[in-house]
Amino acid sequence: MASRLVVIIGADPPARLDKALARDVPEAAHLSRSRLAKLIEEGSVSRGGEVLTSAKMRVAEGDEIALDIPDEAETEMVAEDIPLVVVHEDEDLIVVDKPAGMVVHPAPGSPSGTLVNALLHHFGGNLSGVGGEKRPGIVHRIDKDTSGLLVVAKTDRAHHALADQFAAHTVERRYLALCHGVPSPADPRLMGSRGVSVEPGNVIRIATNLARHPSDRQRQAVTFQGGRHAVTRVQVERDWGEVALIACRLETGRTHQIRVHLRHAGHALIGDPVYGGQRKVSERRLGDVALQLNGFSRQALHAHTLGFTHPSGENMNFVSDLPLDMETLLEGLDAASSDTSA
């Protein structure tokens, strides 16, 4: 058996079929470029009834490309008794507060210990089947080492309603993060960066396209040709000179979006092992807390606020306090700032 997905090619498509599909396939389909290439090779991709047999074939804006995706082989999803912080539950959906270090769903290298394994234990079969056997109830994701709020669908009607809101960019997603330096509209270097502008209220808007890094398929990279459009808005909440607490609002929700955009802006997240580079905080200026910041074992990023419209029509908003590891950093920064000013 196979399910059919029809993709309409958008404006200014890449020259190759596989690249165009990688850009325009909905993220919810979870189809990598290598998986798309395999579908083409297997004769599972067509246009107007004609099978497209080469990944290098050209496509045009408006082309309707059909992908016949074989059902995945049955795999045994194991329910695991993993603690979950459930912020809200009703007959349609669940809101959970995910700890840092937990993968959302099983994948190569992470076959167990995931949020899905925990959900199966706590909620059994009471999860939406729209995401497939490996992703029951999963509407959106946050990175393994990002903490905070996710909504999980219990019913198919909730899954479709929520997916539509994510696609329309109407879900409110506000993240708190600690970054190197202090992003400022008064910084000519930052304001001179392509894709960066300022909005009322000193809100910094970062608008670029994002695509897989050309040499490292595990990373994303900023691009201005091809890729997927991505918009992040950044506002400084606290300022310690070398470090800032920032609020990031997502207009879009691309893979690693905040992390890549802050790297592009020159203000990579504290602790980010992929996009943080070798940048360190000065021990001379911040003392002992600099050691904590430089040794922080994950990106300092927390999904703080989540707002959406329930399938019933009710507007719902949830807030998650900063986890202890990030709160400890803030306390250390305040203490260092107080020592400096004393």
C-alpha atoms as a PDB file:
ATOM      1  CA  MET A   1       0.000   0.000   0.000  1.00  0.00           C
ATOM      2  CA  ALA A   2       1.072   3.578  -0.600  1.00  0.00           C
ATOM      3  CA  SER A   3      -0.244   7.035   0.192  1.00  0.00           C
ATOM      4  CA  ARG A   4      -0.209   9.811  -2.417  1.00  0.00           C
ATOM      5  CA  LEU A   5       1.136  13.291  -1.744  1.00  0.00           C
ATOM      6  CA  VAL A   6       0.706  15.995  -4.390  1.00  0.00           C
ATOM      7  CA  VAL A   7       3.238  18.827  -4.305  1.00  0.00           C
ATOM      8  CA  ILE A   8       2.733  22.047  -6.277  1.00  0.00           C
ATOM      9  CA  ILE A   9       6.043  23.581  -7.309  1.00  0.00           C
ATOM     10  CA  GLY A  10       6.396  27.183  -6.160  1.00  0.00           C
ATOM     11  CA  ALA A  11       7.949  30.218  -7.809  1.00  0.00           C
ATOM     12  CA  ASP A  12      11.571  30.208  -8.996  1.00  0.00           C
ATOM     13  CA  PRO A  13      12.130  26.486  -8.492  1.00  0.00           C
ATOM     14  CA  PRO A  14      15.642  24.999  -8.344  1.00  0.00           C
ATOM     15  CA  ALA A  15      16.757  23.472 -11.620  1.00  0.00           C
ATOM     16  CA  ARG A  16      16.628  19.864 -10.389  1.00  0.00           C
ATOM     17  CA  LEU A  17      13.516  17.864  -9.516  1.00  0.00           C
ATOM     18  CA  ASP A  18      14.937  16.542  -6.238  1.00  0.00           C
ATOM     19  CA  LYS A  19      15.973  20.006  -5.068  1.00  0.00           C
ATOM     20  CA  ALA A  20      12.611  21.511  -6.022  1.00  0.00           C
ATOM     21  CA  LEU A  21      10.758  18.792  -4.129  1.00  0.00           C
ATOM     22  CA  ALA A  22      13.062  19.175  -1.111  1.00  0.00           C
ATOM     23  CA  ARG A  23      12.128  22.853  -1.037  1.00  0.00           C
ATOM     24  CA  ASP A  24       8.378  22.522  -1.602  1.00  0.00           C
ATOM     25  CA  VAL A  25       7.382  19.275   0.130  1.00  0.00           C
ATOM     26  CA  PRO A  26       5.552  20.161   3.389  1.00  0.00           C
ATOM     27  CA  GLU A  27       7.796  19.741   6.419  1.00  0.00           C
ATOM     28  CA  ALA A  28       5.092  17.635   8.049  1.00  0.00           C
ATOM     29  CA  ALA A  29       5.754  14.945   5.421  1.00  0.00           C
ATOM     30  CA  HIS A  30       9.246  14.354   6.918  1.00  0.00           C
ATOM     31  CA  LEU A  31      10.803  13.577   3.524  1.00  0.00           C
ATOM     32  CA  SER A  32      14.532  14.244   3.275  1.00  0.00           C
ATOM     33  CA  ARG A  33      16.198  14.942  -0.055  1.00  0.00           C
ATOM     34  CA  SER A  34      17.806  11.488   0.027  1.00  0.00           C
ATOM     35  CA  ARG A  35      14.394   9.909   0.627  1.00  0.00           C
ATOM     36  CA  LEU A  36      12.945  11.919  -2.272  1.00  0.00           C
ATOM     37  CA  ALA A  37      15.797  10.786  -4.529  1.00  0.00           C
ATOM     38  CA  LYS A  38      15.021   7.192  -3.631  1.00  0.00           C
ATOM     39  CA  LEU A  39      11.328   7.666  -4.450  1.00  0.00           C
ATOM     40  CA  ILE A  40      12.323   9.049  -7.861  1.00  0.00           C
ATOM     41  CA  GLU A  41      14.650   6.113  -8.425  1.00  0.00           C
ATOM     42  CA  GLU A  42      11.851   3.683  -7.504  1.00  0.00           C
ATOM     43  CA  GLY A  43       9.468   5.254 -10.042  1.00  0.00           C
ATOM     44  CA  SER A  44       7.175   6.659  -7.357  1.00  0.00           C
ATOM     45  CA  VAL A  45       7.196  10.264  -8.604  1.00  0.00           C
ATOM     46  CA  SER A  46       5.089  11.456 -11.526  1.00  0.00           C
ATOM     47  CA  ARG A  47       3.756  14.548 -13.292  1.00  0.00           C
ATOM     48  CA  GLY A  48       0.507  14.372 -15.216  1.00  0.00           C
ATOM     49  CA  GLY A  49       0.699  10.587 -15.202  1.00  0.00           C
ATOM     50  CA  GLU A  50       4.273  10.554 -16.553  1.00  0.00           C
ATOM     51  CA  VAL A  51       6.777   8.857 -14.261  1.00  0.00           C
ATOM     52  CA  LEU A  52       9.766  11.110 -13.571  1.00  0.00           C
ATOM     53  CA  THR A  53      12.812   8.892 -13.584  1.00  0.00           C
ATOM     54  CA  SER A  54      15.697  11.269 -12.938  1.00  0.00           C
ATOM     55  CA  ALA A  55      16.430  13.538  -9.985  1.00  0.00           C
ATOM     56  CA  LYS A  56      18.002  15.966 -12.482  1.00  0.00           C
ATOM     57  CA  MET A  57      14.810  16.519 -14.486  1.00  0.00           C
ATOM     58  CA  ARG A  58      13.615  20.111 -14.735  1.00  0.00           C
ATOM     59  CA  VAL A  59      10.354  21.354 -13.254  1.00  0.00           C
ATOM     60  CA  ALA A  60       8.416  24.583 -13.601  1.00  0.00           C
ATOM     61  CA  GLU A  61       6.370  26.768 -11.306  1.00  0.00           C
ATOM     62  CA  GLY A  62       2.862  25.353 -10.916  1.00  0.00           C
ATOM     63  CA  ASP A  63       3.809  21.754 -11.800  1.00  0.00           C
ATOM     64  CA  GLU A  64       1.798  19.235  -9.808  1.00  0.00           C
ATOM     65  CA  ILE A  65       4.141  16.449  -8.749  1.00  0.00           C
ATOM     66  CA  ALA A  66       2.591  13.280  -7.312  1.00  0.00           C
ATOM     67  CA  LEU A  67       4.576  11.195  -4.838  1.00  0.00           C
ATOM     68  CA  ASP A  68       3.392   7.665  -4.093  1.00  0.00           C
ATOM     69  CA  ILE A  69       4.917   6.946  -0.704  1.00  0.00           C
ATOM     70  CA  PRO A  70       4.983   3.275   0.321  1.00  0.00           C
ATOM     71  CA  ASP A  71       3.714   2.565   3.800  1.00  0.00           C
ATOM     72  CA  GLU A  72       6.611   1.995   6.160  1.00  0.00           C
ATOM     73  CA  ALA A  73       7.228  -1.502   7.353  1.00  0.00           C
ATOM     74  CA  GLU A  74       5.594  -2.224  10.668  1.00  0.00           C
ATOM     75  CA  THR A  75       7.848  -1.419  13.579  1.00  0.00           C
ATOM     76  CA  GLU A  76       7.083  -2.101  17.170  1.00  0.00           C
ATOM     77  CA  MET A  77       6.691   1.135  19.056  1.00  0.00           C
ATOM     78  CA  VAL A  78       7.344   0.430  22.697  1.00  0.00           C
ATOM     79  CA  ALA A  79       5.516   2.299  25.419  1.00  0.00           C
ATOM     80  CA  GLU A  80       8.017   3.409  28.063  1.00  0.00           C
ATOM     81  CA  ASP A  81       7.308   4.590  31.587  1.00  0.00           C
ATOM     82  CA  ILE A  82       9.071   7.934  31.219  1.00  0.00           C
ATOM     83  CA  PRO A  83       7.877  10.842  33.397  1.00  0.00           C
ATOM     84  CA  LEU A  84       5.998  13.574  31.546  1.00  0.00           C
ATOM     85  CA  VAL A  85       5.023  17.057  32.652  1.00  0.00           C
ATOM     86  CA  VAL A  86       1.482  17.440  31.304  1.00  0.00           C
ATOM     87  CA  VAL A  87       0.439  21.082  31.363  1.00  0.00           C
ATOM     88  CA  HIS A  88      -3.013  20.499  29.874  1.00  0.00           C
ATOM     89  CA  GLU A  89      -5.128  17.606  28.659  1.00  0.00           C
ATOM     90  CA  ASP A  90      -8.614  17.364  27.191  1.00  0.00           C
ATOM     91  CA  GLU A  91     -10.379  14.995  24.806  1.00  0.00           C
ATOM     92  CA  ASP A  92      -8.657  16.524  21.760  1.00  0.00           C
ATOM     93  CA  LEU A  93      -5.116  17.380  22.734  1.00  0.00           C
ATOM     94  CA  ILE A  94      -2.313  17.415  25.269  1.00  0.00           C
ATOM     95  CA  VAL A  95       0.223  20.144  26.050  1.00  0.00           C
ATOM     96  CA  VAL A  96       3.487  18.844  27.492  1.00  0.00           C
ATOM     97  CA  ASP A  97       6.569  20.574  28.879  1.00  0.00           C
ATOM     98  CA  LYS A  98       9.468  18.640  27.321  1.00  0.00           C
ATOM     99  CA  PRO A  99      12.760  18.486  29.201  1.00  0.00           C
ATOM    100  CA  ALA A 100      16.050  19.149  27.454  1.00  0.00           C
ATOM    101  CA  GLY A 101      17.691  15.932  26.288  1.00  0.00           C
ATOM    102  CA  MET A 102      14.507  14.201  25.117  1.00  0.00           C
ATOM    103  CA  VAL A 103      14.045  13.459  21.403  1.00  0.00           C
ATOM    104  CA  VAL A 104      10.473  14.021  20.193  1.00  0.00           C
ATOM    105  CA  HIS A 105      10.062  10.847  18.124  1.00  0.00           C
ATOM    106  CA  PRO A 106      12.129   7.728  17.333  1.00  0.00           C
ATOM    107  CA  ALA A 107      14.678   8.042  14.564  1.00  0.00           C
ATOM    108  CA  PRO A 108      17.938   6.352  13.596  1.00  0.00           C
ATOM    109  CA  GLY A 109      20.189   6.695  16.621  1.00  0.00           C
ATOM    110  CA  SER A 110      17.259   7.398  18.958  1.00  0.00           C
ATOM    111  CA  PRO A 111      15.015   4.309  18.866  1.00  0.00           C
ATOM    112  CA  SER A 112      13.740   4.710  22.424  1.00  0.00           C
ATOM    113  CA  GLY A 113      13.482   7.122  25.327  1.00  0.00           C
ATOM    114  CA  THR A 114      11.581   9.612  23.178  1.00  0.00           C
ATOM    115  CA  LEU A 115       8.519  11.728  23.826  1.00  0.00           C
ATOM    116  CA  VAL A 116       6.494   9.355  21.642  1.00  0.00           C
ATOM    117  CA  ASN A 117       7.534   6.365  23.777  1.00  0.00           C
ATOM    118  CA  ALA A 118       6.417   8.279  26.863  1.00  0.00           C
ATOM    119  CA  LEU A 119       3.133   9.353  25.251  1.00  0.00           C
ATOM    120  CA  LEU A 120       2.306   5.758  24.353  1.00  0.00           C
ATOM    121  CA  HIS A 121       2.731   4.743  27.996  1.00  0.00           C
ATOM    122  CA  HIS A 122       0.670   7.596  29.416  1.00  0.00           C
ATOM    123  CA  PHE A 123      -2.042   7.804  26.757  1.00  0.00           C
ATOM    124  CA  GLY A 124      -1.977   4.432  24.989  1.00  0.00           C
ATOM    125  CA  GLY A 125      -3.917   4.446  21.726  1.00  0.00           C
ATOM    126  CA  ASN A 126      -5.546   7.804  22.468  1.00  0.00           C
ATOM    127  CA  LEU A 127      -3.350   9.696  20.017  1.00  0.00           C
ATOM    128  CA  SER A 128      -3.956  10.981  16.508  1.00  0.00           C
ATOM    129  CA  GLY A 129      -2.866   8.637  13.721  1.00  0.00           C
ATOM    130  CA  VAL A 130      -2.315  11.412  11.161  1.00  0.00           C
ATOM    131  CA  GLY A 131       1.431  11.600  11.814  1.00  0.00           C
ATOM    132  CA  GLY A 132       1.905   7.897  11.096  1.00  0.00           C
ATOM    133  CA  GLU A 133       2.861   4.959  13.230  1.00  0.00           C
ATOM    134  CA  LYS A 134       6.216   6.452  14.226  1.00  0.00           C
ATOM    135  CA  ARG A 135       4.836   9.876  15.134  1.00  0.00           C
ATOM    136  CA  PRO A 136       1.425   9.370  16.759  1.00  0.00           C
ATOM    137  CA  GLY A 137      -0.034  12.712  17.766  1.00  0.00           C
ATOM    138  CA  ILE A 138       3.062  14.710  16.799  1.00  0.00           C
ATOM    139  CA  VAL A 139       2.110  17.983  15.111  1.00  0.00           C
ATOM    140  CA  HIS A 140       5.382  19.882  15.558  1.00  0.00           C
ATOM    141  CA  ARG A 141       8.800  19.342  17.085  1.00  0.00           C
ATOM    142  CA  ILE A 142      11.478  21.088  19.081  1.00  0.00           C
ATOM    143  CA  ASP A 143      15.114  20.028  19.102  1.00  0.00           C
ATOM    144  CA  LYS A 144      16.336  17.338  21.479  1.00  0.00           C
ATOM    145  CA  ASP A 145      18.273  19.802  23.631  1.00  0.00           C
ATOM    146  CA  THR A 146      15.645  22.541  23.556  1.00  0.00           C
ATOM    147  CA  SER A 147      13.236  22.471  26.473  1.00  0.00           C
ATOM    148  CA  GLY A 148       9.643  23.662  26.664  1.00  0.00           C
ATOM    149  CA  LEU A 149       6.114  23.433  25.348  1.00  0.00           C
ATOM    150  CA  LEU A 150       4.668  21.165  22.657  1.00  0.00           C
ATOM    151  CA  VAL A 151       1.067  20.400  21.738  1.00  0.00           C
ATOM    152  CA  VAL A 152       0.169  16.786  20.902  1.00  0.00           C
ATOM    153  CA  ALA A 153      -3.027  15.765  19.099  1.00  0.00           C
ATOM    154  CA  LYS A 154      -5.237  13.045  20.563  1.00  0.00           C
ATOM    155  CA  THR A 155      -7.792  13.154  17.736  1.00  0.00           C
ATOM    156  CA  ASP A 156      -7.439  13.440  13.977  1.00  0.00           C
ATOM    157  CA  ARG A 157      -9.634  16.558  13.946  1.00  0.00           C
ATOM    158  CA  ALA A 158      -7.254  18.230  16.402  1.00  0.00           C
ATOM    159  CA  HIS A 159      -4.230  17.151  14.364  1.00  0.00           C
ATOM    160  CA  HIS A 160      -5.635  18.661  11.157  1.00  0.00           C
ATOM    161  CA  ALA A 161      -6.783  21.852  12.907  1.00  0.00           C
ATOM    162  CA  LEU A 162      -3.416  22.386  14.563  1.00  0.00           C
ATOM    163  CA  ALA A 163      -1.446  21.513  11.416  1.00  0.00           C
ATOM    164  CA  ASP A 164      -3.455  24.109   9.493  1.00  0.00           C
ATOM    165  CA  GLN A 165      -2.572  26.751  12.082  1.00  0.00           C
ATOM    166  CA  PHE A 166       1.118  25.902  11.951  1.00  0.00           C
ATOM    167  CA  ALA A 167       1.009  26.067   8.139  1.00  0.00           C
ATOM    168  CA  ALA A 168      -0.740  29.462   8.292  1.00  0.00           C
ATOM    169  CA  HIS A 169       1.798  30.758  10.858  1.00  0.00           C
ATOM    170  CA  THR A 170      -0.966  31.676  13.310  1.00  0.00           C
ATOM    171  CA  VAL A 171       0.392  29.666  16.257  1.00  0.00           C
ATOM    172  CA  GLU A 172       2.108  31.865  18.829  1.00  0.00           C
ATOM    173  CA  ARG A 173       5.550  30.514  19.664  1.00  0.00           C
ATOM    174  CA  ARG A 174       7.799  32.561  21.931  1.00  0.00           C
ATOM    175  CA  TYR A 175      11.179  31.223  22.983  1.00  0.00           C
ATOM    176  CA  LEU A 176      13.593  32.522  25.601  1.00  0.00           C
ATOM    177  CA  ALA A 177      17.295  32.142  24.916  1.00  0.00           C
ATOM    178  CA  LEU A 178      20.688  33.262  26.148  1.00  0.00           C
ATOM    179  CA  CYS A 179      22.971  34.530  23.400  1.00  0.00           C
ATOM    180  CA  HIS A 180      26.500  35.834  23.028  1.00  0.00           C
ATOM    181  CA  GLY A 181      26.591  39.626  23.007  1.00  0.00           C
ATOM    182  CA  VAL A 182      23.586  41.942  22.937  1.00  0.00           C
ATOM    183  CA  PRO A 183      21.645  42.282  19.649  1.00  0.00           C
ATOM    184  CA  SER A 184      20.986  45.976  19.134  1.00  0.00           C
ATOM    185  CA  PRO A 185      19.332  48.024  16.376  1.00  0.00           C
ATOM    186  CA  ALA A 186      22.106  50.562  17.046  1.00  0.00           C
ATOM    187  CA  ASP A 187      24.773  48.079  15.923  1.00  0.00           C
ATOM    188  CA  PRO A 188      25.740  48.961  12.323  1.00  0.00           C
ATOM    189  CA  ARG A 189      27.303  45.532  11.783  1.00  0.00           C
ATOM    190  CA  LEU A 190      24.055  43.786  12.742  1.00  0.00           C
ATOM    191  CA  MET A 191      21.877  46.185  10.751  1.00  0.00           C
ATOM    192  CA  GLY A 192      24.176  45.731   7.784  1.00  0.00           C
ATOM    193  CA  SER A 193      23.660  41.964   7.783  1.00  0.00           C
ATOM    194  CA  ARG A 194      21.550  40.804   4.867  1.00  0.00           C
ATOM    195  CA  GLY A 195      17.998  39.952   5.880  1.00  0.00           C
ATOM    196  CA  VAL A 196      18.152  41.893   9.176  1.00  0.00           C
ATOM    197  CA  SER A 197      15.893  44.888   9.829  1.00  0.00           C
ATOM    198  CA  VAL A 198      14.283  46.663  12.772  1.00  0.00           C
ATOM    199  CA  GLU A 199      10.595  47.041  13.601  1.00  0.00           C
ATOM    200  CA  PRO A 200       8.830  49.311  16.111  1.00  0.00           C
ATOM    201  CA  GLY A 201       9.723  48.607  19.725  1.00  0.00           C
ATOM    202  CA  ASN A 202      13.360  47.749  18.885  1.00  0.00           C
ATOM    203  CA  VAL A 203      12.273  44.370  17.551  1.00  0.00           C
ATOM    204  CA  ILE A 204      14.945  42.881  15.291  1.00  0.00           C
ATOM    205  CA  ARG A 205      13.501  40.996  12.326  1.00  0.00           C
ATOM    206  CA  ILE A 206      15.625  38.319  10.655  1.00  0.00           C
ATOM    207  CA  ALA A 207      14.215  37.116   7.329  1.00  0.00           C
ATOM    208  CA  THR A 208      16.175  34.702   5.142  1.00  0.00           C
ATOM    209  CA  ASN A 209      15.716  31.372   3.462  1.00  0.00           C
ATOM    210  CA  LEU A 210      17.029  28.243   5.163  1.00  0.00           C
ATOM    211  CA  ALA A 211      18.313  25.083   3.492  1.00  0.00           C
ATOM    212  CA  ARG A 212      20.472  22.126   4.365  1.00  0.00           C
ATOM    213  CA  HIS A 213      24.124  23.029   4.716  1.00  0.00           C
ATOM    214  CA  PRO A 214      25.943  22.126   1.470  1.00  0.00           C
ATOM    215  CA  SER A 215      28.639  20.068   3.201  1.00  0.00           C
ATOM    216  CA  ASP A 216      27.004  18.984   6.482  1.00  0.00           C
ATOM    217  CA  ARG A 217      23.565  17.417   6.050  1.00  0.00           C
ATOM    218  CA  GLN A 218      22.894  17.573   9.793  1.00  0.00           C
ATOM    219  CA  ARG A 219      23.007  21.376   9.771  1.00  0.00           C
ATOM    220  CA  GLN A 220      20.912  24.139   8.268  1.00  0.00           C
ATOM    221  CA  ALA A 221      22.328  27.224   6.590  1.00  0.00           C
ATOM    222  CA  VAL A 222      21.133  30.693   5.631  1.00  0.00           C
ATOM    223  CA  THR A 223      20.599  31.164   1.910  1.00  0.00           C
ATOM    224  CA  PHE A 224      18.921  33.738  -0.288  1.00  0.00           C
ATOM    225  CA  GLN A 225      18.359  31.435  -3.270  1.00  0.00           C
ATOM    226  CA  GLY A 226      16.191  28.352  -2.894  1.00  0.00           C
ATOM    227  CA  GLY A 227      15.480  26.902   0.507  1.00  0.00           C
ATOM    228  CA  ARG A 228      12.454  27.758   2.661  1.00  0.00           C
ATOM    229  CA  HIS A 229      11.442  31.233   3.802  1.00  0.00           C
ATOM    230  CA  ALA A 230      12.054  31.805   7.516  1.00  0.00           C
ATOM    231  CA  VAL A 231      11.293  34.794   9.767  1.00  0.00           C
ATOM    232  CA  THR A 232      12.375  35.254  13.383  1.00  0.00           C
ATOM    233  CA  ARG A 233      11.738  38.325  15.551  1.00  0.00           C
ATOM    234  CA  VAL A 234      14.151  39.023  18.392  1.00  0.00           C
ATOM    235  CA  GLN A 235      13.852  41.378  21.362  1.00  0.00           C
ATOM    236  CA  VAL A 236      16.305  41.820  24.239  1.00  0.00           C
ATOM    237  CA  GLU A 237      14.802  41.071  27.657  1.00  0.00           C
ATOM    238  CA  ARG A 238      17.926  41.342  29.859  1.00  0.00           C
ATOM    239  CA  ASP A 239      21.403  42.697  29.125  1.00  0.00           C
ATOM    240  CA  TRP A 240      24.619  41.689  30.905  1.00  0.00           C
ATOM    241  CA  GLY A 241      26.991  43.149  28.332  1.00  0.00           C
ATOM    242  CA  GLU A 242      28.587  39.958  27.042  1.00  0.00           C
ATOM    243  CA  VAL A 243      25.382  37.947  27.298  1.00  0.00           C
ATOM    244  CA  ALA A 244      21.715  38.757  26.743  1.00  0.00           C
ATOM    245  CA  LEU A 245      18.420  37.062  27.521  1.00  0.00           C
ATOM    246  CA  ILE A 246      16.354  37.381  24.361  1.00  0.00           C
ATOM    247  CA  ALA A 247      12.783  36.602  23.388  1.00  0.00           C
ATOM    248  CA  CYS A 248      12.381  35.039  19.934  1.00  0.00           C
ATOM    249  CA  ARG A 249       9.033  34.845  18.167  1.00  0.00           C
ATOM    250  CA  LEU A 250       8.679  32.487  15.251  1.00  0.00           C
ATOM    251  CA  GLU A 251       6.655  33.527  12.238  1.00  0.00           C
ATOM    252  CA  THR A 252       7.744  30.323  10.508  1.00  0.00           C
ATOM    253  CA  GLY A 253       9.003  27.118  12.104  1.00  0.00           C
ATOM    254  CA  ARG A 254      11.949  25.747  10.153  1.00  0.00           C
ATOM    255  CA  THR A 255      14.456  23.217  11.460  1.00  0.00           C
ATOM    256  CA  HIS A 256      16.989  24.907  13.806  1.00  0.00           C
ATOM    257  CA  GLN A 257      15.538  28.286  12.759  1.00  0.00           C
ATOM    258  CA  ILE A 258      16.348  30.353  15.855  1.00  0.00           C
ATOM    259  CA  ARG A 259      19.794  28.822  16.209  1.00  0.00           C
ATOM    260  CA  VAL A 260      20.745  29.469  12.570  1.00  0.00           C
ATOM    261  CA  HIS A 261      19.285  32.983  12.503  1.00  0.00           C
ATOM    262  CA  LEU A 262      21.102  34.038  15.675  1.00  0.00           C
ATOM    263  CA  ARG A 263      24.350  32.625  14.276  1.00  0.00           C
ATOM    264  CA  HIS A 264      23.740  34.632  11.081  1.00  0.00           C
ATOM    265  CA  ALA A 265      23.176  37.756  13.189  1.00  0.00           C
ATOM    266  CA  GLY A 266      26.477  37.243  15.021  1.00  0.00           C
ATOM    267  CA  HIS A 267      24.793  36.344  18.325  1.00  0.00           C
ATOM    268  CA  ALA A 268      24.932  32.559  18.521  1.00  0.00           C
ATOM    269  CA  LEU A 269      23.191  30.880  21.441  1.00  0.00           C
ATOM    270  CA  ILE A 270      25.112  30.034  24.584  1.00  0.00           C
ATOM    271  CA  GLY A 271      26.030  26.340  24.630  1.00  0.00           C
ATOM    272  CA  ASP A 272      25.022  25.630  21.021  1.00  0.00           C
ATOM    273  CA  PRO A 273      27.311  22.750  19.961  1.00  0.00           C
ATOM    274  CA  VAL A 274      26.437  23.038  16.260  1.00  0.00           C
ATOM    275  CA  TYR A 275      26.084  26.753  15.534  1.00  0.00           C
ATOM    276  CA  GLY A 276      27.958  28.325  18.462  1.00  0.00           C
ATOM    277  CA  GLY A 277      31.443  27.996  17.035  1.00  0.00           C
ATOM    278  CA  GLN A 278      34.359  28.524  19.432  1.00  0.00           C
ATOM    279  CA  ARG A 279      33.028  31.724  20.963  1.00  0.00           C
ATOM    280  CA  LYS A 280      33.571  32.051  24.722  1.00  0.00           C
ATOM    281  CA  VAL A 281      32.437  34.435  27.435  1.00  0.00           C
ATOM    282  CA  SER A 282      35.192  36.397  29.213  1.00  0.00           C
ATOM    283  CA  GLU A 283      36.053  35.042  32.675  1.00  0.00           C
ATOM    284  CA  ARG A 284      37.733  38.352  33.467  1.00  0.00           C
ATOM    285  CA  ARG A 285      34.469  40.229  33.059  1.00  0.00           C
ATOM    286  CA  LEU A 286      31.947  37.729  34.386  1.00  0.00           C
ATOM    287  CA  GLY A 287      33.956  35.623  36.829  1.00  0.00           C
ATOM    288  CA  ASP A 288      32.694  32.200  37.895  1.00  0.00           C
ATOM    289  CA  VAL A 289      29.476  32.344  35.879  1.00  0.00           C
ATOM    290  CA  ALA A 290      31.619  32.530  32.717  1.00  0.00           C
ATOM    291  CA  LEU A 291      32.793  28.996  33.466  1.00  0.00           C
ATOM    292  CA  GLN A 292      29.154  27.873  33.693  1.00  0.00           C
ATOM    293  CA  LEU A 293      28.262  29.662  30.469  1.00  0.00           C
ATOM    294  CA  ASN A 294      31.252  28.306  28.556  1.00  0.00           C
ATOM    295  CA  GLY A 295      30.590  24.801  29.859  1.00  0.00           C
ATOM    296  CA  PHE A 296      26.823  24.842  29.285  1.00  0.00           C
ATOM    297  CA  SER A 297      26.030  21.486  27.714  1.00  0.00           C
ATOM    298  CA  ARG A 298      23.151  22.443  25.417  1.00  0.00           C
ATOM    299  CA  GLN A 299      21.820  25.384  23.459  1.00  0.00           C
ATOM    300  CA  ALA A 300      20.277  27.757  26.012  1.00  0.00           C
ATOM    301  CA  LEU A 301      16.862  27.762  24.328  1.00  0.00           C
ATOM    302  CA  HIS A 302      13.448  27.245  25.906  1.00  0.00           C
ATOM    303  CA  ALA A 303       9.991  27.126  24.274  1.00  0.00           C
ATOM    304  CA  HIS A 304       8.385  29.503  26.777  1.00  0.00           C
ATOM    305  CA  THR A 305       4.975  30.407  25.321  1.00  0.00           C
ATOM    306  CA  LEU A 306       2.567  28.457  23.105  1.00  0.00           C
ATOM    307  CA  GLY A 307      -0.762  29.804  21.879  1.00  0.00           C
ATOM    308  CA  PHE A 308      -3.265  28.346  19.424  1.00  0.00           C
ATOM    309  CA  THR A 309      -6.959  27.940  18.696  1.00  0.00           C
ATOM    310  CA  HIS A 310      -8.475  24.755  20.086  1.00  0.00           C
ATOM    311  CA  PRO A 311     -10.623  22.737  17.638  1.00  0.00           C
ATOM    312  CA  SER A 312     -13.585  23.930  19.715  1.00  0.00           C
ATOM    313  CA  GLY A 313     -12.757  27.532  18.753  1.00  0.00           C
ATOM    314  CA  GLU A 314     -11.336  28.515  22.145  1.00  0.00           C
ATOM    315  CA  ASN A 315      -8.082  30.466  22.170  1.00  0.00           C
ATOM    316  CA  MET A 316      -5.541  28.757  24.421  1.00  0.00           C
ATOM    317  CA  ASN A 317      -2.232  30.068  25.741  1.00  0.00           C
ATOM    318  CA  PHE A 318       0.361  28.302  27.883  1.00  0.00           C
ATOM    319  CA  VAL A 319       3.557  29.482  29.566  1.00  0.00           C
ATOM    320  CA  SER A 320       6.485  27.401  30.842  1.00  0.00           C
ATOM    321  CA  ASP A 321       8.967  28.774  33.370  1.00  0.00           C
ATOM    322  CA  LEU A 322      12.650  28.608  32.516  1.00  0.00           C
ATOM    323  CA  PRO A 323      14.195  25.254  33.483  1.00  0.00           C
ATOM    324  CA  LEU A 324      16.569  25.136  36.417  1.00  0.00           C
ATOM    325  CA  ASP A 325      19.757  25.013  34.323  1.00  0.00           C
ATOM    326  CA  MET A 326      18.908  28.259  32.509  1.00  0.00           C
ATOM    327  CA  GLU A 327      17.531  29.931  35.648  1.00  0.00           C
ATOM    328  CA  THR A 328      20.814  29.154  37.409  1.00  0.00           C
ATOM    329  CA  LEU A 329      22.707  30.955  34.640  1.00  0.00           C
ATOM    330  CA  LEU A 330      20.503  34.044  35.044  1.00  0.00           C
ATOM    331  CA  GLU A 331      21.126  34.069  38.795  1.00  0.00           C
ATOM    332  CA  GLY A 332      24.864  33.788  38.203  1.00  0.00           C
ATOM    333  CA  LEU A 333      24.796  36.634  35.679  1.00  0.00           C
ATOM    334  CA  ASP A 334      22.864  38.836  38.108  1.00  0.00           C
ATOM    335  CA  ALA A 335      25.355  38.042  40.868  1.00  0.00           C
ATOM    336  CA  ALA A 336      28.321  38.822  38.582  1.00  0.00           C
ATOM    337  CA  SER A 337      26.690  42.077  37.486  1.00  0.00           C
ATOM    338  CA  SER A 338      26.093  43.048  41.115  1.00  0.00           C
ATOM    339  CA  ASP A 339      29.724  42.299  42.030  1.00  0.00           C
ATOM    340  CA  THR A 340      30.958  44.442  39.156  1.00  0.00           C
ATOM    341  CA  SER A 341      28.801  47.417  40.085  1.00  0.00           C
ATOM    342  CA  ALA A 342      29.556  47.206  43.820  1.00  0.00           C
END
